[in-house]
Amino acid sequence: MSKIKIKLVRSGIGRTKGQKLTLQALGLTKMNKVVEHESTPQILGMVEKVKHLLEVEKL
């Protein structure tokens, strides 16, 4: 599987509880934090849910 690099560029403050929990599940706790994940359907679904807060780069 390929990997993706995910960066939190907008804050989770003021977002719905589901979006905050999705960010936490992805490992994004602070602004400008970057994490790498395998490009699985589960991860891509979580990214799609909060895509307006993230920058995503394929590796």
PDB file of N, CA and C in Angstrom:
ATOM      1  N   MET A   1       0.835  -1.190   0.000  1.00  0.00           N
ATOM      2  CA  MET A   1       0.000   0.000   0.000  1.00  0.00           C
ATOM      3  C   MET A   1       0.876   1.248   0.000  1.00  0.00           C
ATOM      4  N   SER A   2       0.338   2.277  -0.574  1.00  0.00           N
ATOM      5  CA  SER A   2       1.054   3.552  -0.558  1.00  0.00           C
ATOM      6  C   SER A   2       0.780   4.283   0.752  1.00  0.00           C
ATOM      7  N   LYS A   3       1.597   5.282   1.007  1.00  0.00           N
ATOM      8  CA  LYS A   3       1.434   6.079   2.219  1.00  0.00           C
ATOM      9  C   LYS A   3       0.968   7.469   1.842  1.00  0.00           C
ATOM     10  N   ILE A   4       0.328   8.131   2.811  1.00  0.00           N
ATOM     11  CA  ILE A   4      -0.053   9.524   2.634  1.00  0.00           C
ATOM     12  C   ILE A   4       0.471  10.316   3.826  1.00  0.00           C
ATOM     13  N   LYS A   5       0.799  11.570   3.569  1.00  0.00           N
ATOM     14  CA  LYS A   5       1.267  12.481   4.602  1.00  0.00           C
ATOM     15  C   LYS A   5       0.139  13.481   4.843  1.00  0.00           C
ATOM     16  N   ILE A   6      -0.284  13.613   6.109  1.00  0.00           N
ATOM     17  CA  ILE A   6      -1.419  14.463   6.460  1.00  0.00           C
ATOM     18  C   ILE A   6      -0.934  15.555   7.409  1.00  0.00           C
ATOM     19  N   LYS A   7      -1.300  16.807   7.107  1.00  0.00           N
ATOM     20  CA  LYS A   7      -0.899  17.947   7.928  1.00  0.00           C
ATOM     21  C   LYS A   7      -2.141  18.722   8.343  1.00  0.00           C
ATOM     22  N   LEU A   8      -2.245  19.047   9.626  1.00  0.00           N
ATOM     23  CA  LEU A   8      -3.358  19.845  10.140  1.00  0.00           C
ATOM     24  C   LEU A   8      -3.046  21.319   9.917  1.00  0.00           C
ATOM     25  N   VAL A   9      -3.841  21.994   9.068  1.00  0.00           N
ATOM     26  CA  VAL A   9      -3.577  23.393   8.742  1.00  0.00           C
ATOM     27  C   VAL A   9      -4.633  24.345   9.300  1.00  0.00           C
ATOM     28  N   ARG A  10      -5.781  23.819   9.723  1.00  0.00           N
ATOM     29  CA  ARG A  10      -6.804  24.647  10.349  1.00  0.00           C
ATOM     30  C   ARG A  10      -7.205  24.007  11.668  1.00  0.00           C
ATOM     31  N   SER A  11      -7.547  24.819  12.620  1.00  0.00           N
ATOM     32  CA  SER A  11      -7.824  24.358  13.973  1.00  0.00           C
ATOM     33  C   SER A  11      -9.120  23.561  14.064  1.00  0.00           C
ATOM     34  N   GLY A  12      -9.169  22.669  15.040  1.00  0.00           N
ATOM     35  CA  GLY A  12     -10.371  21.907  15.322  1.00  0.00           C
ATOM     36  C   GLY A  12     -11.304  22.618  16.289  1.00  0.00           C
ATOM     37  N   ILE A  13     -10.905  23.797  16.758  1.00  0.00           N
ATOM     38  CA  ILE A  13     -11.738  24.564  17.690  1.00  0.00           C
ATOM     39  C   ILE A  13     -13.022  24.984  16.992  1.00  0.00           C
ATOM     40  N   GLY A  14     -14.144  24.772  17.649  1.00  0.00           N
ATOM     41  CA  GLY A  14     -15.432  25.157  17.090  1.00  0.00           C
ATOM     42  C   GLY A  14     -16.014  24.142  16.126  1.00  0.00           C
ATOM     43  N   ARG A  15     -15.373  23.002  15.957  1.00  0.00           N
ATOM     44  CA  ARG A  15     -15.863  21.959  15.051  1.00  0.00           C
ATOM     45  C   ARG A  15     -16.762  21.004  15.823  1.00  0.00           C
ATOM     46  N   THR A  16     -17.469  20.167  15.100  1.00  0.00           N
ATOM     47  CA  THR A  16     -18.358  19.210  15.747  1.00  0.00           C
ATOM     48  C   THR A  16     -17.537  18.162  16.505  1.00  0.00           C
ATOM     49  N   LYS A  17     -18.206  17.495  17.425  1.00  0.00           N
ATOM     50  CA  LYS A  17     -17.520  16.484  18.229  1.00  0.00           C
ATOM     51  C   LYS A  17     -16.960  15.364  17.351  1.00  0.00           C
ATOM     52  N   GLY A  18     -17.712  14.971  16.337  1.00  0.00           N
ATOM     53  CA  GLY A  18     -17.253  13.920  15.430  1.00  0.00           C
ATOM     54  C   GLY A  18     -15.987  14.312  14.690  1.00  0.00           C
ATOM     55  N   GLN A  19     -15.904  15.562  14.254  1.00  0.00           N
ATOM     56  CA  GLN A  19     -14.708  16.018  13.553  1.00  0.00           C
ATOM     57  C   GLN A  19     -13.515  16.076  14.489  1.00  0.00           C
ATOM     58  N   LYS A  20     -13.720  16.511  15.726  1.00  0.00           N
ATOM     59  CA  LYS A  20     -12.624  16.560  16.707  1.00  0.00           C
ATOM     60  C   LYS A  20     -12.111  15.155  17.001  1.00  0.00           C
ATOM     61  N   LEU A  21     -13.032  14.200  17.141  1.00  0.00           N
ATOM     62  CA  LEU A  21     -12.621  12.823  17.414  1.00  0.00           C
ATOM     63  C   LEU A  21     -11.905  12.211  16.214  1.00  0.00           C
ATOM     64  N   THR A  22     -12.302  12.584  15.018  1.00  0.00           N
ATOM     65  CA  THR A  22     -11.627  12.092  13.810  1.00  0.00           C
ATOM     66  C   THR A  22     -10.195  12.606  13.759  1.00  0.00           C
ATOM     67  N   LEU A  23     -10.003  13.893  14.063  1.00  0.00           N
ATOM     68  CA  LEU A  23      -8.647  14.453  14.096  1.00  0.00           C
ATOM     69  C   LEU A  23      -7.794  13.727  15.132  1.00  0.00           C
ATOM     70  N   GLN A  24      -8.379  13.458  16.292  1.00  0.00           N
ATOM     71  CA  GLN A  24      -7.644  12.768  17.352  1.00  0.00           C
ATOM     72  C   GLN A  24      -7.289  11.342  16.915  1.00  0.00           C
ATOM     73  N   ALA A  25      -8.203  10.671  16.230  1.00  0.00           N
ATOM     74  CA  ALA A  25      -7.947   9.307  15.767  1.00  0.00           C
ATOM     75  C   ALA A  25      -6.839   9.272  14.718  1.00  0.00           C
ATOM     76  N   LEU A  26      -6.726  10.343  13.933  1.00  0.00           N
ATOM     77  CA  LEU A  26      -5.658  10.431  12.941  1.00  0.00           C
ATOM     78  C   LEU A  26      -4.320  10.784  13.582  1.00  0.00           C
ATOM     79  N   GLY A  27      -4.329  11.205  14.841  1.00  0.00           N
ATOM     80  CA  GLY A  27      -3.095  11.572  15.522  1.00  0.00           C
ATOM     81  C   GLY A  27      -2.738  13.033  15.363  1.00  0.00           C
ATOM     82  N   LEU A  28      -3.701  13.845  14.952  1.00  0.00           N
ATOM     83  CA  LEU A  28      -3.457  15.266  14.742  1.00  0.00           C
ATOM     84  C   LEU A  28      -3.969  16.051  15.946  1.00  0.00           C
ATOM     85  N   THR A  29      -3.042  16.440  16.819  1.00  0.00           N
ATOM     86  CA  THR A  29      -3.432  17.104  18.051  1.00  0.00           C
ATOM     87  C   THR A  29      -3.079  18.581  18.070  1.00  0.00           C
ATOM     88  N   LYS A  30      -2.127  19.003  17.257  1.00  0.00           N
ATOM     89  CA  LYS A  30      -1.684  20.394  17.245  1.00  0.00           C
ATOM     90  C   LYS A  30      -1.601  20.902  15.811  1.00  0.00           C
ATOM     91  N   MET A  31      -1.668  22.199  15.671  1.00  0.00           N
ATOM     92  CA  MET A  31      -1.561  22.831  14.354  1.00  0.00           C
ATOM     93  C   MET A  31      -0.202  22.516  13.728  1.00  0.00           C
ATOM     94  N   ASN A  32      -0.186  22.341  12.432  1.00  0.00           N
ATOM     95  CA  ASN A  32       1.005  22.069  11.622  1.00  0.00           C
ATOM     96  C   ASN A  32       1.677  20.741  11.942  1.00  0.00           C
ATOM     97  N   LYS A  33       1.013  19.878  12.686  1.00  0.00           N
ATOM     98  CA  LYS A  33       1.564  18.555  12.943  1.00  0.00           C
ATOM     99  C   LYS A  33       1.373  17.690  11.698  1.00  0.00           C
ATOM    100  N   VAL A  34       2.387  16.899  11.383  1.00  0.00           N
ATOM    101  CA  VAL A  34       2.350  16.035  10.201  1.00  0.00           C
ATOM    102  C   VAL A  34       2.441  14.584  10.653  1.00  0.00           C
ATOM    103  N   VAL A  35       1.560  13.750  10.111  1.00  0.00           N
ATOM    104  CA  VAL A  35       1.590  12.317  10.398  1.00  0.00           C
ATOM    105  C   VAL A  35       1.558  11.564   9.072  1.00  0.00           C
ATOM    106  N   GLU A  36       2.089  10.350   9.092  1.00  0.00           N
ATOM    107  CA  GLU A  36       2.046   9.475   7.921  1.00  0.00           C
ATOM    108  C   GLU A  36       1.189   8.269   8.247  1.00  0.00           C
ATOM    109  N   HIS A  37       0.325   7.891   7.301  1.00  0.00           N
ATOM    110  CA  HIS A  37      -0.540   6.725   7.454  1.00  0.00           C
ATOM    111  C   HIS A  37      -0.537   5.942   6.153  1.00  0.00           C
ATOM    112  N   GLU A  38      -0.840   4.662   6.261  1.00  0.00           N
ATOM    113  CA  GLU A  38      -1.073   3.848   5.074  1.00  0.00           C
ATOM    114  C   GLU A  38      -2.356   4.331   4.410  1.00  0.00           C
ATOM    115  N   SER A  39      -2.421   4.235   3.120  1.00  0.00           N
ATOM    116  CA  SER A  39      -3.580   4.705   2.366  1.00  0.00           C
ATOM    117  C   SER A  39      -4.643   3.607   2.310  1.00  0.00           C
ATOM    118  N   THR A  40      -5.285   3.348   3.450  1.00  0.00           N
ATOM    119  CA  THR A  40      -6.349   2.346   3.526  1.00  0.00           C
ATOM    120  C   THR A  40      -7.705   3.029   3.374  1.00  0.00           C
ATOM    121  N   PRO A  41      -8.746   2.277   3.050  1.00  0.00           N
ATOM    122  CA  PRO A  41     -10.080   2.884   2.923  1.00  0.00           C
ATOM    123  C   PRO A  41     -10.552   3.563   4.210  1.00  0.00           C
ATOM    124  N   GLN A  42     -10.179   3.012   5.369  1.00  0.00           N
ATOM    125  CA  GLN A  42     -10.585   3.601   6.640  1.00  0.00           C
ATOM    126  C   GLN A  42      -9.939   4.962   6.850  1.00  0.00           C
ATOM    127  N   ILE A  43      -8.649   5.053   6.597  1.00  0.00           N
ATOM    128  CA  ILE A  43      -7.927   6.323   6.760  1.00  0.00           C
ATOM    129  C   ILE A  43      -8.425   7.350   5.746  1.00  0.00           C
ATOM    130  N   LEU A  44      -8.625   6.930   4.499  1.00  0.00           N
ATOM    131  CA  LEU A  44      -9.107   7.849   3.473  1.00  0.00           C
ATOM    132  C   LEU A  44     -10.509   8.365   3.801  1.00  0.00           C
ATOM    133  N   GLY A  45     -11.330   7.545   4.422  1.00  0.00           N
ATOM    134  CA  GLY A  45     -12.665   7.988   4.847  1.00  0.00           C
ATOM    135  C   GLY A  45     -12.582   9.037   5.938  1.00  0.00           C
ATOM    136  N   MET A  46     -11.656   8.850   6.890  1.00  0.00           N
ATOM    137  CA  MET A  46     -11.477   9.840   7.950  1.00  0.00           C
ATOM    138  C   MET A  46     -10.949  11.149   7.378  1.00  0.00           C
ATOM    139  N   VAL A  47     -10.018  11.054   6.427  1.00  0.00           N
ATOM    140  CA  VAL A  47      -9.464  12.257   5.792  1.00  0.00           C
ATOM    141  C   VAL A  47     -10.571  12.996   5.048  1.00  0.00           C
ATOM    142  N   GLU A  48     -11.440  12.274   4.372  1.00  0.00           N
ATOM    143  CA  GLU A  48     -12.532  12.900   3.621  1.00  0.00           C
ATOM    144  C   GLU A  48     -13.478  13.662   4.549  1.00  0.00           C
ATOM    145  N   LYS A  49     -13.667  13.146   5.754  1.00  0.00           N
ATOM    146  CA  LYS A  49     -14.588  13.770   6.714  1.00  0.00           C
ATOM    147  C   LYS A  49     -14.088  15.136   7.188  1.00  0.00           C
ATOM    148  N   VAL A  50     -12.768  15.315   7.268  1.00  0.00           N
ATOM    149  CA  VAL A  50     -12.201  16.577   7.767  1.00  0.00           C
ATOM    150  C   VAL A  50     -11.244  17.201   6.751  1.00  0.00           C
ATOM    151  N   LYS A  51     -11.481  16.973   5.469  1.00  0.00           N
ATOM    152  CA  LYS A  51     -10.563  17.434   4.436  1.00  0.00           C
ATOM    153  C   LYS A  51     -10.412  18.945   4.389  1.00  0.00           C
ATOM    154  N   HIS A  52     -11.396  19.692   4.890  1.00  0.00           N
ATOM    155  CA  HIS A  52     -11.324  21.148   4.891  1.00  0.00           C
ATOM    156  C   HIS A  52     -10.347  21.678   5.937  1.00  0.00           C
ATOM    157  N   LEU A  53      -9.837  20.806   6.813  1.00  0.00           N
ATOM    158  CA  LEU A  53      -8.881  21.201   7.848  1.00  0.00           C
ATOM    159  C   LEU A  53      -7.475  20.712   7.550  1.00  0.00           C
ATOM    160  N   LEU A  54      -7.299  19.927   6.496  1.00  0.00           N
ATOM    161  CA  LEU A  54      -6.040  19.214   6.262  1.00  0.00           C
ATOM    162  C   LEU A  54      -5.408  19.567   4.923  1.00  0.00           C
ATOM    163  N   GLU A  55      -4.105  19.254   4.838  1.00  0.00           N
ATOM    164  CA  GLU A  55      -3.381  19.163   3.573  1.00  0.00           C
ATOM    165  C   GLU A  55      -2.912  17.720   3.462  1.00  0.00           C
ATOM    166  N   VAL A  56      -3.157  17.096   2.324  1.00  0.00           N
ATOM    167  CA  VAL A  56      -2.806  15.691   2.132  1.00  0.00           C
ATOM    168  C   VAL A  56      -1.842  15.583   0.959  1.00  0.00           C
ATOM    169  N   GLU A  57      -0.779  14.789   1.163  1.00  0.00           N
ATOM    170  CA  GLU A  57       0.218  14.574   0.120  1.00  0.00           C
ATOM    171  C   GLU A  57       0.477  13.081  -0.006  1.00  0.00           C
ATOM    172  N   LYS A  58       0.436  12.586  -1.238  1.00  0.00           N
ATOM    173  CA  LYS A  58       0.749  11.175  -1.473  1.00  0.00           C
ATOM    174  C   LYS A  58       2.248  11.004  -1.547  1.00  0.00           C
ATOM    175  N   LEU A  59       2.738   9.923  -0.960  1.00  0.00           N
ATOM    176  CA  LEU A  59       4.173   9.638  -0.988  1.00  0.00           C
ATOM    177  C   LEU A  59       4.487   8.572  -2.013  1.00  0.00           C
TER     178      LEU A  59
END
